[in-house]
């Protein structure tokens, strides 16, 4: 919009708003004025530390801190992965990734000896032998 169109729009909007306000019943205008006054008095009578603007960020920070502490404390110590576990996992990935390109897909290599892997899994999960 150009400057003149913007000004014309503003004047027309203001006139329509004023007409709608003037067309209100006096009883409704009185109730609106009373409600506005009550809202202003309630806002002025409240101490600054009870405002919503103060407590909303504080509640968010508190919730984030509680979540972080619960995640930190809630994880059992025995369940936390160690660097040695991570290293063996990376070594396993290196072995699979280092397969010769001419020998086919690495998953095909794993499928060739599925009985061996089943045996190794059962042996590892059976616990110490007596």
Protein backbone atom coordinates (compact mmCIF):
# COMPACT_ATOMS: atom_id res chain seq x y z
CA UNK A 1 0.00 0.00 0.00
CA UNK A 2 1.13 3.49 -0.65
CA UNK A 3 1.28 6.13 2.08
CA UNK A 4 -2.04 7.73 1.10
CA UNK A 5 -3.82 4.37 0.93
CA UNK A 6 -2.44 3.47 4.34
CA UNK A 7 -3.63 6.73 5.85
CA UNK A 8 -7.06 6.35 4.24
CA UNK A 9 -7.30 2.81 5.59
CA UNK A 10 -6.36 4.00 9.07
CA UNK A 11 -8.92 6.82 9.02
CA UNK A 12 -11.67 4.49 7.79
CA UNK A 13 -10.80 1.83 10.40
CA UNK A 14 -10.82 4.40 13.17
CA UNK A 15 -14.19 5.75 12.04
CA UNK A 16 -15.73 2.26 11.91
CA UNK A 17 -14.39 1.46 15.36
CA UNK A 18 -15.72 4.72 16.79
CA UNK A 19 -19.13 4.05 15.24
CA UNK A 20 -19.23 0.59 16.80
CA UNK A 21 -18.32 2.03 20.20
CA UNK A 22 -20.90 4.81 19.91
CA UNK A 23 -23.55 2.26 18.95
CA UNK A 24 -23.16 0.31 22.21
CA UNK A 25 -25.86 0.41 24.83
CA UNK A 26 -25.01 2.57 27.86
CA UNK A 27 -25.45 -0.40 30.18
CA UNK A 28 -22.87 -2.45 28.20
CA UNK A 29 -20.45 0.51 28.10
CA UNK A 30 -20.76 0.86 31.86
CA UNK A 31 -20.04 -2.83 32.44
CA UNK A 32 -17.02 -2.68 30.11
CA UNK A 33 -15.66 0.36 31.95
CA UNK A 34 -16.15 -1.33 35.32
CA UNK A 35 -14.40 -4.49 34.11
CA UNK A 36 -11.48 -2.44 32.76
CA UNK A 37 -11.15 -0.57 36.05
CA UNK A 38 -11.26 -3.79 38.07
CA UNK A 39 -8.56 -5.34 35.87
CA UNK A 40 -6.31 -2.30 36.25
CA UNK A 41 -6.77 -2.27 40.03
CA UNK A 42 -6.00 -5.98 40.29
CA UNK A 43 -2.83 -5.54 38.25
CA UNK A 44 -1.66 -2.57 40.34
CA UNK A 45 -2.43 -4.24 43.68
CA UNK A 46 -0.33 -7.31 42.93
CA UNK A 47 3.32 -7.33 44.08
CA UNK A 48 5.96 -7.52 41.35
CA UNK A 49 7.16 -10.98 42.42
CA UNK A 50 3.73 -12.57 41.89
CA UNK A 51 3.61 -11.69 38.20
CA UNK A 52 3.52 -14.38 35.55
CA UNK A 53 6.49 -12.84 33.73
CA UNK A 54 8.76 -13.66 36.66
CA UNK A 55 7.69 -17.22 37.44
CA UNK A 56 7.33 -18.69 33.95
CA UNK A 57 11.07 -18.71 33.09
CA UNK A 58 11.93 -19.84 36.61
CA UNK A 59 9.55 -22.78 36.32
CA UNK A 60 11.06 -23.77 32.98
CA UNK A 61 14.61 -23.69 34.33
CA UNK A 62 13.57 -25.67 37.40
CA UNK A 63 11.85 -28.34 35.29
CA UNK A 64 14.90 -28.68 33.02
CA UNK A 65 17.21 -28.98 36.03
CA UNK A 66 15.01 -31.63 37.64
CA UNK A 67 14.90 -33.62 34.39
CA UNK A 68 18.68 -33.47 34.06
CA UNK A 69 19.26 -34.58 37.64
CA UNK A 70 16.75 -37.42 37.35
CA UNK A 71 18.40 -38.67 34.16
CA UNK A 72 21.84 -38.40 35.70
CA UNK A 73 20.93 -40.13 38.96
CA UNK A 74 18.37 -42.52 37.51
CA UNK A 75 20.84 -44.44 35.33
CA UNK A 76 22.24 -47.41 37.27
CA UNK A 77 26.02 -47.31 37.52
CA UNK A 78 26.38 -50.88 36.29
CA UNK A 79 24.34 -50.05 33.18
CA UNK A 80 26.49 -47.17 32.01
CA UNK A 81 28.66 -48.02 29.00
CA UNK A 82 32.40 -47.85 29.48
CA UNK A 83 35.07 -46.77 27.03
CA UNK A 84 36.20 -50.40 26.63
CA UNK A 85 32.70 -51.41 25.47
CA UNK A 86 32.63 -48.56 23.00
CA UNK A 87 36.07 -49.53 21.69
CA UNK A 88 35.04 -53.15 21.04
CA UNK A 89 31.90 -51.96 19.27
CA UNK A 90 34.00 -49.76 17.00
CA UNK A 91 36.37 -52.65 16.30
CA UNK A 92 33.43 -54.84 15.28
CA UNK A 93 32.18 -52.13 12.93
CA UNK A 94 35.66 -51.77 11.45
CA UNK A 95 35.78 -55.51 10.72
CA UNK A 96 32.43 -55.43 8.96
CA UNK A 97 33.28 -52.25 7.05
CA UNK A 98 36.72 -53.53 6.02
CA UNK A 99 35.32 -56.46 4.02
CA UNK A 100 36.68 -56.72 0.48
CA UNK A 101 34.49 -55.03 -2.06
CA UNK A 102 34.91 -57.98 -4.41
CA UNK A 103 33.66 -60.48 -1.84
CA UNK A 104 30.13 -59.07 -1.84
CA UNK A 105 28.06 -57.44 0.82
CA UNK A 106 29.26 -57.60 4.44
CA UNK A 107 25.86 -58.92 5.53
CA UNK A 108 26.23 -61.80 3.07
CA UNK A 109 29.48 -62.66 4.85
CA UNK A 110 27.64 -62.79 8.17
CA UNK A 111 24.87 -64.97 6.73
CA UNK A 112 27.36 -67.63 5.54
CA UNK A 113 28.19 -68.79 9.07
CA UNK A 114 24.89 -68.22 10.87
CA UNK A 115 25.24 -71.52 12.80
CA UNK A 116 28.62 -70.40 14.17
CA UNK A 117 27.19 -67.08 15.33
CA UNK A 118 24.27 -68.87 17.00
CA UNK A 119 26.73 -71.17 18.80
CA UNK A 120 28.90 -68.21 19.88
CA UNK A 121 25.87 -66.32 21.18
CA UNK A 122 24.65 -69.31 23.20
CA UNK A 123 28.14 -69.88 24.62
CA UNK A 124 28.55 -66.22 25.59
CA UNK A 125 25.13 -66.04 27.28
CA UNK A 126 25.36 -69.37 29.11
CA UNK A 127 27.63 -67.89 31.77
CA UNK A 128 30.75 -69.43 33.27
CA UNK A 129 30.97 -73.14 32.85
CA UNK A 130 31.43 -75.32 35.92
